[in-house]
C-alpha atoms as a PDB file:
ATOM      1  CA  UNK A   1      -0.425  -0.369  -0.004  1.00  0.00           C
ATOM      2  CA  UNK A   2       1.280   3.188  -1.004  1.00  0.00           C
ATOM      3  CA  UNK A   3       2.079   5.720   1.776  1.00  0.00           C
ATOM      4  CA  UNK A   4       1.794   9.570   0.662  1.00  0.00           C
ATOM      5  CA  UNK A   5       3.168  12.820   2.042  1.00  0.00           C
ATOM      6  CA  UNK A   6       0.423  15.171   3.309  1.00  0.00           C
ATOM      7  CA  UNK A   7       1.141  17.992   1.818  1.00  0.00           C
ATOM      8  CA  UNK A   8       2.311  17.060  -1.230  1.00  0.00           C
ATOM      9  CA  UNK A   9       0.662  13.436  -2.062  1.00  0.00           C
ATOM     10  CA  UNK A  10       3.968  12.090  -3.049  1.00  0.00           C
ATOM     11  CA  UNK A  11       4.797   8.471  -2.034  1.00  0.00           C
ATOM     12  CA  UNK A  12       7.273   8.553  -0.062  1.00  0.00           C
ATOM     13  CA  UNK A  13       6.790   5.114   1.241  1.00  0.00           C
ATOM     14  CA  UNK A  14       4.728   1.697   1.328  1.00  0.00           C
ATOM     15  CA  UNK A  15       3.318  -0.655   3.427  1.00  0.00           C
ATOM     16  CA  UNK A  16       3.673  -4.031   2.602  1.00  0.00           C
ATOM     17  CA  UNK A  17       2.812  -7.641   4.418  1.00  0.00           C
ATOM     18  CA  UNK A  18       6.337  -8.309   5.146  1.00  0.00           C
ATOM     19  CA  UNK A  19       6.700  -4.811   6.578  1.00  0.00           C
ATOM     20  CA  UNK A  20       3.678  -5.637   8.907  1.00  0.00           C
ATOM     21  CA  UNK A  21       5.081  -9.087   9.742  1.00  0.00           C
ATOM     22  CA  UNK A  22       8.576  -7.655  11.398  1.00  0.00           C
ATOM     23  CA  UNK A  23       6.525  -6.005  14.094  1.00  0.00           C
ATOM     24  CA  UNK A  24       5.156  -8.717  16.831  1.00  0.00           C
ATOM     25  CA  UNK A  25       2.265  -6.574  17.975  1.00  0.00           C
ATOM     26  CA  UNK A  26       1.105  -3.148  15.939  1.00  0.00           C
ATOM     27  CA  UNK A  27       0.399  -1.507  19.140  1.00  0.00           C
ATOM     28  CA  UNK A  28       2.546   1.908  19.712  1.00  0.00           C
ATOM     29  CA  UNK A  29       4.215   1.837  16.019  1.00  0.00           C
ATOM     30  CA  UNK A  30       2.741   4.099  13.387  1.00  0.00           C
ATOM     31  CA  UNK A  31       2.744   3.514   9.804  1.00  0.00           C
ATOM     32  CA  UNK A  32       5.944   5.450   8.801  1.00  0.00           C
ATOM     33  CA  UNK A  33       8.106   3.512  11.426  1.00  0.00           C
ATOM     34  CA  UNK A  34       6.588   0.171   9.607  1.00  0.00           C
ATOM     35  CA  UNK A  35       7.114   1.550   6.283  1.00  0.00           C
ATOM     36  CA  UNK A  36       9.346   0.629   3.454  1.00  0.00           C
ATOM     37  CA  UNK A  37      11.378   3.850   2.461  1.00  0.00           C
ATOM     38  CA  UNK A  38      12.532   5.320  -0.175  1.00  0.00           C
ATOM     39  CA  UNK A  39       9.341   3.434  -1.760  1.00  0.00           C
ATOM     40  CA  UNK A  40      10.516   1.352  -5.351  1.00  0.00           C
ATOM     41  CA  UNK A  41       7.395   2.936  -7.796  1.00  0.00           C
ATOM     42  CA  UNK A  42       7.871   3.181 -11.562  1.00  0.00           C
ATOM     43  CA  UNK A  43       6.107   6.013 -13.673  1.00  0.00           C
ATOM     44  CA  UNK A  44       2.725   5.855 -15.669  1.00  0.00           C
ATOM     45  CA  UNK A  45       4.833   5.927 -18.906  1.00  0.00           C
ATOM     46  CA  UNK A  46       7.332   2.777 -17.206  1.00  0.00           C
ATOM     47  CA  UNK A  47       7.492  -0.218 -19.689  1.00  0.00           C
ATOM     48  CA  UNK A  48       5.992  -3.409 -18.535  1.00  0.00           C
ATOM     49  CA  UNK A  49       9.653  -5.397 -19.128  1.00  0.00           C
ATOM     50  CA  UNK A  50      11.251  -2.692 -16.442  1.00  0.00           C
ATOM     51  CA  UNK A  51       8.517  -3.025 -13.917  1.00  0.00           C
ATOM     52  CA  UNK A  52       8.253  -7.325 -14.250  1.00  0.00           C
ATOM     53  CA  UNK A  53      12.060  -6.950 -14.294  1.00  0.00           C
ATOM     54  CA  UNK A  54      12.176  -4.844 -11.038  1.00  0.00           C
ATOM     55  CA  UNK A  55       9.384  -6.935  -9.328  1.00  0.00           C
ATOM     56  CA  UNK A  56      11.298 -10.030 -10.328  1.00  0.00           C
ATOM     57  CA  UNK A  57      14.461  -8.488  -8.955  1.00  0.00           C
ATOM     58  CA  UNK A  58      13.261  -6.961  -5.664  1.00  0.00           C
ATOM     59  CA  UNK A  59      10.582 -10.106  -5.167  1.00  0.00           C
ATOM     60  CA  UNK A  60       8.232  -7.686  -4.734  1.00  0.00           C
ATOM     61  CA  UNK A  61       4.292  -8.371  -5.884  1.00  0.00           C
ATOM     62  CA  UNK A  62       2.794  -4.825  -6.176  1.00  0.00           C
ATOM     63  CA  UNK A  63       4.607  -1.666  -7.250  1.00  0.00           C
ATOM     64  CA  UNK A  64       2.732   1.894  -6.820  1.00  0.00           C
ATOM     65  CA  UNK A  65       2.695   3.875 -10.427  1.00  0.00           C
ATOM     66  CA  UNK A  66       3.476   7.484 -10.223  1.00  0.00           C
ATOM     67  CA  UNK A  67       3.153  10.407 -11.870  1.00  0.00           C
ATOM     68  CA  UNK A  68       5.365  13.295 -12.638  1.00  0.00           C
ATOM     69  CA  UNK A  69       5.259  14.791  -8.908  1.00  0.00           C
ATOM     70  CA  UNK A  70       5.442  10.827  -7.612  1.00  0.00           C
ATOM     71  CA  UNK A  71       1.904  11.155  -6.743  1.00  0.00           C
ATOM     72  CA  UNK A  72       0.313   7.607  -6.549  1.00  0.00           C
ATOM     73  CA  UNK A  73      -1.931   7.055  -9.615  1.00  0.00           C
ATOM     74  CA  UNK A  74      -2.550   3.409  -9.530  1.00  0.00           C
ATOM     75  CA  UNK A  75      -0.796  -0.066  -8.047  1.00  0.00           C
ATOM     76  CA  UNK A  76       0.665  -2.731 -11.413  1.00  0.00           C
ATOM     77  CA  UNK A  77       0.842  -6.223  -9.768  1.00  0.00           C
ATOM     78  CA  UNK A  78       2.717  -9.518 -10.928  1.00  0.00           C
ATOM     79  CA  UNK A  79      -0.759 -10.679 -12.031  1.00  0.00           C
ATOM     80  CA  UNK A  80      -1.201  -7.400 -13.706  1.00  0.00           C
ATOM     81  CA  UNK A  81       2.085  -8.216 -15.887  1.00  0.00           C
ATOM     82  CA  UNK A  82       1.873 -12.035 -15.984  1.00  0.00           C
ATOM     83  CA  UNK A  83      -1.833 -13.358 -16.347  1.00  0.00           C
ATOM     84  CA  UNK A  84      -1.755 -11.928 -19.850  1.00  0.00           C
ATOM     85  CA  UNK A  85       1.399 -13.391 -20.855  1.00  0.00           C
ATOM     86  CA  UNK A  86       0.426 -16.862 -19.908  1.00  0.00           C
ATOM     87  CA  UNK A  87      -3.070 -16.087 -21.590  1.00  0.00           C
ATOM     88  CA  UNK A  88      -0.680 -15.449 -25.000  1.00  0.00           C
ATOM     89  CA  UNK A  89       1.475 -18.444 -24.019  1.00  0.00           C
ATOM     90  CA  UNK A  90      -1.470 -20.731 -23.802  1.00  0.00           C
ATOM     91  CA  UNK A  91      -2.894 -19.451 -27.029  1.00  0.00           C
ATOM     92  CA  UNK A  92       0.361 -19.955 -28.780  1.00  0.00           C
ATOM     93  CA  UNK A  93       0.330 -24.016 -27.606  1.00  0.00           C
ATOM     94  CA  UNK A  94      -3.159 -24.682 -28.568  1.00  0.00           C
ATOM     95  CA  UNK A  95      -1.927 -22.960 -32.137  1.00  0.00           C
ATOM     96  CA  UNK A  96       1.070 -25.003 -32.493  1.00  0.00           C
ATOM     97  CA  UNK A  97      -0.840 -28.252 -31.414  1.00  0.00           C
ATOM     98  CA  UNK A  98      -3.809 -27.233 -34.355  1.00  0.00           C
ATOM     99  CA  UNK A  99      -1.107 -27.693 -36.416  1.00  0.00           C
ATOM    100  CA  UNK A 100       0.030 -30.684 -36.296  1.00  0.00           C
END
């Protein structure tokens, strides 16, 4: 989940399940205490390949998409990227089978 700066709206961190797992109890902690910062984000014009590479390299499942002012405008997930690739590869396999 992106964390935004209240004054600028810019993404200043990310709160992940892993971040929450690091603390034994949520009592007494603030989001700022637990979040990962600086966040790994991508711009709206980033290529799908570069975002997929970032996910694999850093072992993350979701990346906030930010505009030119680093304000979050969405989130891209592994499912968003890899499901269409899987569907396309399955279509290719079906086409190869029908040619035989």
